[in-house]
Amino acid sequence: MSGGQDGGRRWAGIVLRALGFGVVGMIVLPVVASMSVLALAHLAGDCGPGSSGGCEMGAAGVGLYAILPGFVLGAGWSVFRDLRKR
């Protein structure tokens, strides 16, 4: 019966790693996306001193919209990597 316990531990490890990578992705992707939007907007000349603040609000919106995809990408990458090791 110990084979069943080892399989359960393995799946528990996969799930915990997926949650960890998901949380990391949930933090990293929105930050990168927001900074990218701000950098591109400033380089294009649409943002900067004297602007109404719409660029910053757009970057915040992109960051908020990237939270869930960041989690899914991080967790999916972790599961893919763990199952490939098998």
PDB file of N, CA and C in Angstrom:
ATOM      1  N   MET A   1       0.798  -1.220   0.000  1.00  0.00           N
ATOM      2  CA  MET A   1       0.000   0.000   0.000  1.00  0.00           C
ATOM      3  C   MET A   1       0.833   1.274   0.000  1.00  0.00           C
ATOM      4  N   SER A   2       2.126   1.131   0.187  1.00  0.00           N
ATOM      5  CA  SER A   2       2.948   2.336   0.227  1.00  0.00           C
ATOM      6  C   SER A   2       3.073   2.982  -1.145  1.00  0.00           C
ATOM      7  N   GLY A   3       2.839   2.218  -2.232  1.00  0.00           N
ATOM      8  CA  GLY A   3       2.892   2.805  -3.568  1.00  0.00           C
ATOM      9  C   GLY A   3       1.831   3.871  -3.748  1.00  0.00           C
ATOM     10  N   GLY A   4       0.677   3.678  -3.148  1.00  0.00           N
ATOM     11  CA  GLY A   4      -0.384   4.675  -3.241  1.00  0.00           C
ATOM     12  C   GLY A   4      -0.023   5.955  -2.513  1.00  0.00           C
ATOM     13  N   GLN A   5       0.649   5.796  -1.391  1.00  0.00           N
ATOM     14  CA  GLN A   5       1.057   6.981  -0.638  1.00  0.00           C
ATOM     15  C   GLN A   5       2.118   7.769  -1.381  1.00  0.00           C
ATOM     16  N   ASP A   6       3.041   7.069  -2.041  1.00  0.00           N
ATOM     17  CA  ASP A   6       4.079   7.768  -2.806  1.00  0.00           C
ATOM     18  C   ASP A   6       3.460   8.539  -3.966  1.00  0.00           C
ATOM     19  N   GLY A   7       2.481   7.943  -4.621  1.00  0.00           N
ATOM     20  CA  GLY A   7       1.799   8.636  -5.712  1.00  0.00           C
ATOM     21  C   GLY A   7       1.047   9.856  -5.208  1.00  0.00           C
ATOM     22  N   GLY A   8       0.432   9.723  -4.031  1.00  0.00           N
ATOM     23  CA  GLY A   8      -0.278  10.860  -3.439  1.00  0.00           C
ATOM     24  C   GLY A   8       0.658  11.983  -3.067  1.00  0.00           C
ATOM     25  N   ARG A   9       1.812  11.617  -2.528  1.00  0.00           N
ATOM     26  CA  ARG A   9       2.813  12.640  -2.170  1.00  0.00           C
ATOM     27  C   ARG A   9       3.339  13.326  -3.416  1.00  0.00           C
ATOM     28  N   ARG A  10       3.522  12.544  -4.475  1.00  0.00           N
ATOM     29  CA  ARG A  10       4.028  13.120  -5.716  1.00  0.00           C
ATOM     30  C   ARG A  10       3.036  14.144  -6.262  1.00  0.00           C
ATOM     31  N   TRP A  11       1.762  13.785  -6.275  1.00  0.00           N
ATOM     32  CA  TRP A  11       0.747  14.719  -6.783  1.00  0.00           C
ATOM     33  C   TRP A  11       0.601  15.928  -5.872  1.00  0.00           C
ATOM     34  N   ALA A  12       0.742  15.705  -4.572  1.00  0.00           N
ATOM     35  CA  ALA A  12       0.675  16.838  -3.647  1.00  0.00           C
ATOM     36  C   ALA A  12       1.844  17.789  -3.898  1.00  0.00           C
ATOM     37  N   GLY A  13       3.023  17.233  -4.181  1.00  0.00           N
ATOM     38  CA  GLY A  13       4.175  18.073  -4.499  1.00  0.00           C
ATOM     39  C   GLY A  13       3.972  18.847  -5.792  1.00  0.00           C
ATOM     40  N   ILE A  14       3.378  18.180  -6.786  1.00  0.00           N
ATOM     41  CA  ILE A  14       3.108  18.849  -8.060  1.00  0.00           C
ATOM     42  C   ILE A  14       2.139  20.005  -7.849  1.00  0.00           C
ATOM     43  N   VAL A  15       1.099  19.771  -7.072  1.00  0.00           N
ATOM     44  CA  VAL A  15       0.093  20.817  -6.833  1.00  0.00           C
ATOM     45  C   VAL A  15       0.693  21.982  -6.050  1.00  0.00           C
ATOM     46  N   LEU A  16       1.489  21.675  -5.035  1.00  0.00           N
ATOM     47  CA  LEU A  16       2.091  22.755  -4.239  1.00  0.00           C
ATOM     48  C   LEU A  16       3.087  23.568  -5.064  1.00  0.00           C
ATOM     49  N   ARG A  17       3.886  22.893  -5.902  1.00  0.00           N
ATOM     50  CA  ARG A  17       4.796  23.627  -6.768  1.00  0.00           C
ATOM     51  C   ARG A  17       4.028  24.470  -7.778  1.00  0.00           C
ATOM     52  N   ALA A  18       2.927  23.914  -8.288  1.00  0.00           N
ATOM     53  CA  ALA A  18       2.111  24.670  -9.247  1.00  0.00           C
ATOM     54  C   ALA A  18       1.538  25.919  -8.586  1.00  0.00           C
ATOM     55  N   LEU A  19       1.077  25.795  -7.355  1.00  0.00           N
ATOM     56  CA  LEU A  19       0.562  26.974  -6.645  1.00  0.00           C
ATOM     57  C   LEU A  19       1.669  28.003  -6.420  1.00  0.00           C
ATOM     58  N   GLY A  20       2.851  27.533  -6.049  1.00  0.00           N
ATOM     59  CA  GLY A  20       3.978  28.450  -5.836  1.00  0.00           C
ATOM     60  C   GLY A  20       4.377  29.177  -7.110  1.00  0.00           C
ATOM     61  N   PHE A  21       4.511  28.423  -8.204  1.00  0.00           N
ATOM     62  CA  PHE A  21       4.862  29.053  -9.472  1.00  0.00           C
ATOM     63  C   PHE A  21       3.742  29.968  -9.948  1.00  0.00           C
ATOM     64  N   GLY A  22       2.490  29.582  -9.656  1.00  0.00           N
ATOM     65  CA  GLY A  22       1.362  30.428 -10.027  1.00  0.00           C
ATOM     66  C   GLY A  22       1.399  31.768  -9.310  1.00  0.00           C
ATOM     67  N   VAL A  23       1.733  31.735  -8.040  1.00  0.00           N
ATOM     68  CA  VAL A  23       1.818  32.983  -7.274  1.00  0.00           C
ATOM     69  C   VAL A  23       2.971  33.850  -7.787  1.00  0.00           C
ATOM     70  N   VAL A  24       4.093  33.213  -8.110  1.00  0.00           N
ATOM     71  CA  VAL A  24       5.220  33.981  -8.667  1.00  0.00           C
ATOM     72  C   VAL A  24       4.817  34.606 -10.001  1.00  0.00           C
ATOM     73  N   GLY A  25       4.157  33.832 -10.856  1.00  0.00           N
ATOM     74  CA  GLY A  25       3.694  34.363 -12.131  1.00  0.00           C
ATOM     75  C   GLY A  25       2.672  35.469 -11.957  1.00  0.00           C
ATOM     76  N   MET A  26       1.849  35.329 -10.915  1.00  0.00           N
ATOM     77  CA  MET A  26       0.820  36.320 -10.626  1.00  0.00           C
ATOM     78  C   MET A  26       1.435  37.651 -10.192  1.00  0.00           C
ATOM     79  N   ILE A  27       2.658  37.617  -9.715  1.00  0.00           N
ATOM     80  CA  ILE A  27       3.343  38.835  -9.301  1.00  0.00           C
ATOM     81  C   ILE A  27       4.214  39.383 -10.435  1.00  0.00           C
ATOM     82  N   VAL A  28       4.951  38.496 -11.100  1.00  0.00           N
ATOM     83  CA  VAL A  28       5.945  38.926 -12.082  1.00  0.00           C
ATOM     84  C   VAL A  28       5.296  39.447 -13.363  1.00  0.00           C
ATOM     85  N   LEU A  29       4.338  38.703 -13.923  1.00  0.00           N
ATOM     86  CA  LEU A  29       3.756  39.102 -15.211  1.00  0.00           C
ATOM     87  C   LEU A  29       3.064  40.473 -15.157  1.00  0.00           C
ATOM     88  N   PRO A  30       2.240  40.774 -14.151  1.00  0.00           N
ATOM     89  CA  PRO A  30       1.641  42.115 -14.117  1.00  0.00           C
ATOM     90  C   PRO A  30       2.664  43.242 -13.991  1.00  0.00           C
ATOM     91  N   VAL A  31       3.721  43.020 -13.229  1.00  0.00           N
ATOM     92  CA  VAL A  31       4.750  44.052 -13.087  1.00  0.00           C
ATOM     93  C   VAL A  31       5.452  44.288 -14.420  1.00  0.00           C
ATOM     94  N   VAL A  32       5.817  43.202 -15.087  1.00  0.00           N
ATOM     95  CA  VAL A  32       6.493  43.329 -16.385  1.00  0.00           C
ATOM     96  C   VAL A  32       5.559  43.976 -17.409  1.00  0.00           C
ATOM     97  N   ALA A  33       4.295  43.574 -17.422  1.00  0.00           N
ATOM     98  CA  ALA A  33       3.341  44.137 -18.379  1.00  0.00           C
ATOM     99  C   ALA A  33       3.126  45.628 -18.126  1.00  0.00           C
ATOM    100  N   SER A  34       2.967  46.024 -16.881  1.00  0.00           N
ATOM    101  CA  SER A  34       2.753  47.438 -16.558  1.00  0.00           C
ATOM    102  C   SER A  34       3.962  48.284 -16.919  1.00  0.00           C
ATOM    103  N   MET A  35       5.147  47.789 -16.584  1.00  0.00           N
ATOM    104  CA  MET A  35       6.357  48.540 -16.912  1.00  0.00           C
ATOM    105  C   MET A  35       6.554  48.642 -18.422  1.00  0.00           C
ATOM    106  N   SER A  36       6.198  47.585 -19.135  1.00  0.00           N
ATOM    107  CA  SER A  36       6.319  47.619 -20.598  1.00  0.00           C
ATOM    108  C   SER A  36       5.374  48.644 -21.211  1.00  0.00           C
ATOM    109  N   VAL A  37       4.142  48.691 -20.708  1.00  0.00           N
ATOM    110  CA  VAL A  37       3.178  49.671 -21.222  1.00  0.00           C
ATOM    111  C   VAL A  37       3.660  51.087 -20.943  1.00  0.00           C
ATOM    112  N   LEU A  38       4.165  51.317 -19.744  1.00  0.00           N
ATOM    113  CA  LEU A  38       4.674  52.654 -19.416  1.00  0.00           C
ATOM    114  C   LEU A  38       5.877  53.025 -20.283  1.00  0.00           C
ATOM    115  N   ALA A  39       6.781  52.075 -20.476  1.00  0.00           N
ATOM    116  CA  ALA A  39       7.975  52.364 -21.285  1.00  0.00           C
ATOM    117  C   ALA A  39       7.588  52.669 -22.730  1.00  0.00           C
ATOM    118  N   LEU A  40       6.706  51.867 -23.297  1.00  0.00           N
ATOM    119  CA  LEU A  40       6.298  52.107 -24.686  1.00  0.00           C
ATOM    120  C   LEU A  40       5.543  53.421 -24.841  1.00  0.00           C
ATOM    121  N   ALA A  41       4.696  53.742 -23.871  1.00  0.00           N
ATOM    122  CA  ALA A  41       3.942  54.993 -23.955  1.00  0.00           C
ATOM    123  C   ALA A  41       4.869  56.201 -23.834  1.00  0.00           C
ATOM    124  N   HIS A  42       5.851  56.124 -22.975  1.00  0.00           N
ATOM    125  CA  HIS A  42       6.794  57.239 -22.835  1.00  0.00           C
ATOM    126  C   HIS A  42       7.682  57.368 -24.062  1.00  0.00           C
ATOM    127  N   LEU A  43       8.095  56.240 -24.636  1.00  0.00           N
ATOM    128  CA  LEU A  43       8.919  56.296 -25.838  1.00  0.00           C
ATOM    129  C   LEU A  43       8.137  56.834 -27.030  1.00  0.00           C
ATOM    130  N   ALA A  44       6.842  56.554 -27.067  1.00  0.00           N
ATOM    131  CA  ALA A  44       6.010  57.048 -28.160  1.00  0.00           C
ATOM    132  C   ALA A  44       5.694  58.531 -27.993  1.00  0.00           C
ATOM    133  N   GLY A  45       5.923  59.088 -26.824  1.00  0.00           N
ATOM    134  CA  GLY A  45       5.693  60.505 -26.587  1.00  0.00           C
ATOM    135  C   GLY A  45       4.283  60.831 -26.130  1.00  0.00           C
ATOM    136  N   ASP A  46       3.500  59.826 -25.845  1.00  0.00           N
ATOM    137  CA  ASP A  46       2.127  60.069 -25.405  1.00  0.00           C
ATOM    138  C   ASP A  46       2.038  60.395 -23.919  1.00  0.00           C
ATOM    139  N   CYS A  47       3.002  60.008 -23.157  1.00  0.00           N
ATOM    140  CA  CYS A  47       2.976  60.231 -21.709  1.00  0.00           C
ATOM    141  C   CYS A  47       4.134  61.130 -21.302  1.00  0.00           C
ATOM    142  N   GLY A  48       4.042  61.594 -20.096  1.00  0.00           N
ATOM    143  CA  GLY A  48       5.122  62.411 -19.567  1.00  0.00           C
ATOM    144  C   GLY A  48       4.572  63.586 -18.799  1.00  0.00           C
ATOM    145  N   PRO A  49       5.402  64.549 -18.510  1.00  0.00           N
ATOM    146  CA  PRO A  49       4.961  65.724 -17.778  1.00  0.00           C
ATOM    147  C   PRO A  49       3.877  66.469 -18.555  1.00  0.00           C
ATOM    148  N   GLY A  50       2.837  66.813 -17.860  1.00  0.00           N
ATOM    149  CA  GLY A  50       1.737  67.555 -18.468  1.00  0.00           C
ATOM    150  C   GLY A  50       0.645  66.679 -19.043  1.00  0.00           C
ATOM    151  N   SER A  51       0.813  65.366 -19.003  1.00  0.00           N
ATOM    152  CA  SER A  51      -0.259  64.496 -19.514  1.00  0.00           C
ATOM    153  C   SER A  51      -1.332  64.345 -18.434  1.00  0.00           C
ATOM    154  N   SER A  52      -2.481  63.844 -18.828  1.00  0.00           N
ATOM    155  CA  SER A  52      -3.614  63.773 -17.906  1.00  0.00           C
ATOM    156  C   SER A  52      -3.560  62.583 -16.964  1.00  0.00           C
ATOM    157  N   GLY A  53      -2.611  61.683 -17.148  1.00  0.00           N
ATOM    158  CA  GLY A  53      -2.505  60.507 -16.281  1.00  0.00           C
ATOM    159  C   GLY A  53      -3.164  59.278 -16.872  1.00  0.00           C
ATOM    160  N   GLY A  54      -3.636  59.393 -18.095  1.00  0.00           N
ATOM    161  CA  GLY A  54      -4.282  58.248 -18.724  1.00  0.00           C
ATOM    162  C   GLY A  54      -3.337  57.099 -18.991  1.00  0.00           C
ATOM    163  N   CYS A  55      -2.076  57.424 -19.271  1.00  0.00           N
ATOM    164  CA  CYS A  55      -1.096  56.365 -19.531  1.00  0.00           C
ATOM    165  C   CYS A  55      -0.875  55.513 -18.278  1.00  0.00           C
ATOM    166  N   GLU A  56      -0.767  56.160 -17.157  1.00  0.00           N
ATOM    167  CA  GLU A  56      -0.560  55.438 -15.911  1.00  0.00           C
ATOM    168  C   GLU A  56      -1.780  54.584 -15.569  1.00  0.00           C
ATOM    169  N   MET A  57      -2.950  55.102 -15.841  1.00  0.00           N
ATOM    170  CA  MET A  57      -4.153  54.314 -15.585  1.00  0.00           C
ATOM    171  C   MET A  57      -4.247  53.135 -16.550  1.00  0.00           C
ATOM    172  N   GLY A  58      -3.802  53.329 -17.772  1.00  0.00           N
ATOM    173  CA  GLY A  58      -3.763  52.225 -18.726  1.00  0.00           C
ATOM    174  C   GLY A  58      -2.797  51.146 -18.286  1.00  0.00           C
ATOM    175  N   ALA A  59      -1.647  51.562 -17.771  1.00  0.00           N
ATOM    176  CA  ALA A  59      -0.665  50.595 -17.287  1.00  0.00           C
ATOM    177  C   ALA A  59      -1.206  49.840 -16.072  1.00  0.00           C
ATOM    178  N   ALA A  60      -1.924  50.546 -15.203  1.00  0.00           N
ATOM    179  CA  ALA A  60      -2.525  49.874 -14.048  1.00  0.00           C
ATOM    180  C   ALA A  60      -3.580  48.869 -14.503  1.00  0.00           C
ATOM    181  N   GLY A  61      -4.357  49.236 -15.504  1.00  0.00           N
ATOM    182  CA  GLY A  61      -5.372  48.315 -16.022  1.00  0.00           C
ATOM    183  C   GLY A  61      -4.752  47.066 -16.623  1.00  0.00           C
ATOM    184  N   VAL A  62      -3.674  47.249 -17.387  1.00  0.00           N
ATOM    185  CA  VAL A  62      -2.986  46.095 -17.969  1.00  0.00           C
ATOM    186  C   VAL A  62      -2.428  45.207 -16.859  1.00  0.00           C
ATOM    187  N   GLY A  63      -1.889  45.821 -15.819  1.00  0.00           N
ATOM    188  CA  GLY A  63      -1.376  45.044 -14.691  1.00  0.00           C
ATOM    189  C   GLY A  63      -2.465  44.241 -14.007  1.00  0.00           C
ATOM    190  N   LEU A  64      -3.619  44.851 -13.817  1.00  0.00           N
ATOM    191  CA  LEU A  64      -4.730  44.128 -13.189  1.00  0.00           C
ATOM    192  C   LEU A  64      -5.226  42.996 -14.078  1.00  0.00           C
ATOM    193  N   TYR A  65      -5.286  43.251 -15.385  1.00  0.00           N
ATOM    194  CA  TYR A  65      -5.759  42.219 -16.306  1.00  0.00           C
ATOM    195  C   TYR A  65      -4.758  41.075 -16.455  1.00  0.00           C
ATOM    196  N   ALA A  66      -3.503  41.288 -16.104  1.00  0.00           N
ATOM    197  CA  ALA A  66      -2.473  40.262 -16.263  1.00  0.00           C
ATOM    198  C   ALA A  66      -2.331  39.365 -15.042  1.00  0.00           C
ATOM    199  N   ILE A  67      -3.071  39.626 -13.989  1.00  0.00           N
ATOM    200  CA  ILE A  67      -2.923  38.822 -12.769  1.00  0.00           C
ATOM    201  C   ILE A  67      -3.350  37.380 -12.993  1.00  0.00           C
ATOM    202  N   LEU A  68      -4.550  37.162 -13.482  1.00  0.00           N
ATOM    203  CA  LEU A  68      -5.045  35.797 -13.670  1.00  0.00           C
ATOM    204  C   LEU A  68      -4.248  35.041 -14.740  1.00  0.00           C
ATOM    205  N   PRO A  69      -3.964  35.635 -15.912  1.00  0.00           N
ATOM    206  CA  PRO A  69      -3.113  34.909 -16.861  1.00  0.00           C
ATOM    207  C   PRO A  69      -1.723  34.599 -16.306  1.00  0.00           C
ATOM    208  N   GLY A  70      -1.192  35.462 -15.467  1.00  0.00           N
ATOM    209  CA  GLY A  70       0.103  35.192 -14.846  1.00  0.00           C
ATOM    210  C   GLY A  70       0.056  33.963 -13.963  1.00  0.00           C
ATOM    211  N   PHE A  71      -1.017  33.820 -13.202  1.00  0.00           N
ATOM    212  CA  PHE A  71      -1.171  32.641 -12.349  1.00  0.00           C
ATOM    213  C   PHE A  71      -1.302  31.380 -13.190  1.00  0.00           C
ATOM    214  N   VAL A  72      -2.142  31.449 -14.221  1.00  0.00           N
ATOM    215  CA  VAL A  72      -2.369  30.277 -15.076  1.00  0.00           C
ATOM    216  C   VAL A  72      -1.081  29.873 -15.795  1.00  0.00           C
ATOM    217  N   LEU A  73      -0.346  30.838 -16.319  1.00  0.00           N
ATOM    218  CA  LEU A  73       0.907  30.518 -17.005  1.00  0.00           C
ATOM    219  C   LEU A  73       1.945  29.923 -16.051  1.00  0.00           C
ATOM    220  N   GLY A  74       2.062  30.484 -14.862  1.00  0.00           N
ATOM    221  CA  GLY A  74       3.019  29.952 -13.889  1.00  0.00           C
ATOM    222  C   GLY A  74       2.671  28.559 -13.435  1.00  0.00           C
ATOM    223  N   ALA A  75       1.409  28.328 -13.112  1.00  0.00           N
ATOM    224  CA  ALA A  75       0.977  26.997 -12.668  1.00  0.00           C
ATOM    225  C   ALA A  75       1.073  25.996 -13.809  1.00  0.00           C
ATOM    226  N   GLY A  76       0.670  26.410 -15.007  1.00  0.00           N
ATOM    227  CA  GLY A  76       0.736  25.503 -16.152  1.00  0.00           C
ATOM    228  C   GLY A  76       2.164  25.112 -16.481  1.00  0.00           C
ATOM    229  N   TRP A  77       3.081  26.075 -16.434  1.00  0.00           N
ATOM    230  CA  TRP A  77       4.485  25.777 -16.691  1.00  0.00           C
ATOM    231  C   TRP A  77       5.026  24.794 -15.658  1.00  0.00           C
ATOM    232  N   SER A  78       4.646  24.970 -14.401  1.00  0.00           N
ATOM    233  CA  SER A  78       5.115  24.085 -13.345  1.00  0.00           C
ATOM    234  C   SER A  78       4.597  22.659 -13.553  1.00  0.00           C
ATOM    235  N   VAL A  79       3.324  22.523 -13.861  1.00  0.00           N
ATOM    236  CA  VAL A  79       2.752  21.185 -14.081  1.00  0.00           C
ATOM    237  C   VAL A  79       3.391  20.538 -15.306  1.00  0.00           C
ATOM    238  N   PHE A  80       3.553  21.288 -16.379  1.00  0.00           N
ATOM    239  CA  PHE A  80       4.192  20.765 -17.589  1.00  0.00           C
ATOM    240  C   PHE A  80       5.602  20.269 -17.286  1.00  0.00           C
ATOM    241  N   ARG A  81       6.348  21.065 -16.540  1.00  0.00           N
ATOM    242  CA  ARG A  81       7.723  20.708 -16.202  1.00  0.00           C
ATOM    243  C   ARG A  81       7.781  19.453 -15.314  1.00  0.00           C
ATOM    244  N   ASP A  82       6.864  19.366 -14.334  1.00  0.00           N
ATOM    245  CA  ASP A  82       6.849  18.217 -13.433  1.00  0.00           C
ATOM    246  C   ASP A  82       6.413  16.938 -14.147  1.00  0.00           C
ATOM    247  N   LEU A  83       5.429  17.040 -15.007  1.00  0.00           N
ATOM    248  CA  LEU A  83       4.965  15.845 -15.715  1.00  0.00           C
ATOM    249  C   LEU A  83       5.976  15.393 -16.770  1.00  0.00           C
ATOM    250  N   ARG A  84       6.743  16.326 -17.289  1.00  0.00           N
ATOM    251  CA  ARG A  84       7.757  15.976 -18.274  1.00  0.00           C
ATOM    252  C   ARG A  84       8.918  15.237 -17.627  1.00  0.00           C
ATOM    253  N   LYS A  85       9.196  15.528 -16.355  1.00  0.00           N
ATOM    254  CA  LYS A  85      10.269  14.842 -15.623  1.00  0.00           C
ATOM    255  C   LYS A  85       9.945  13.367 -15.391  1.00  0.00           C
ATOM    256  N   ARG A  86       8.689  13.064 -15.351  1.00  0.00           N
ATOM    257  CA  ARG A  86       8.220  11.737 -15.006  1.00  0.00           C
ATOM    258  C   ARG A  86       8.792  10.724 -15.864  1.00  0.00           C
TER     259      ARG A  86
END
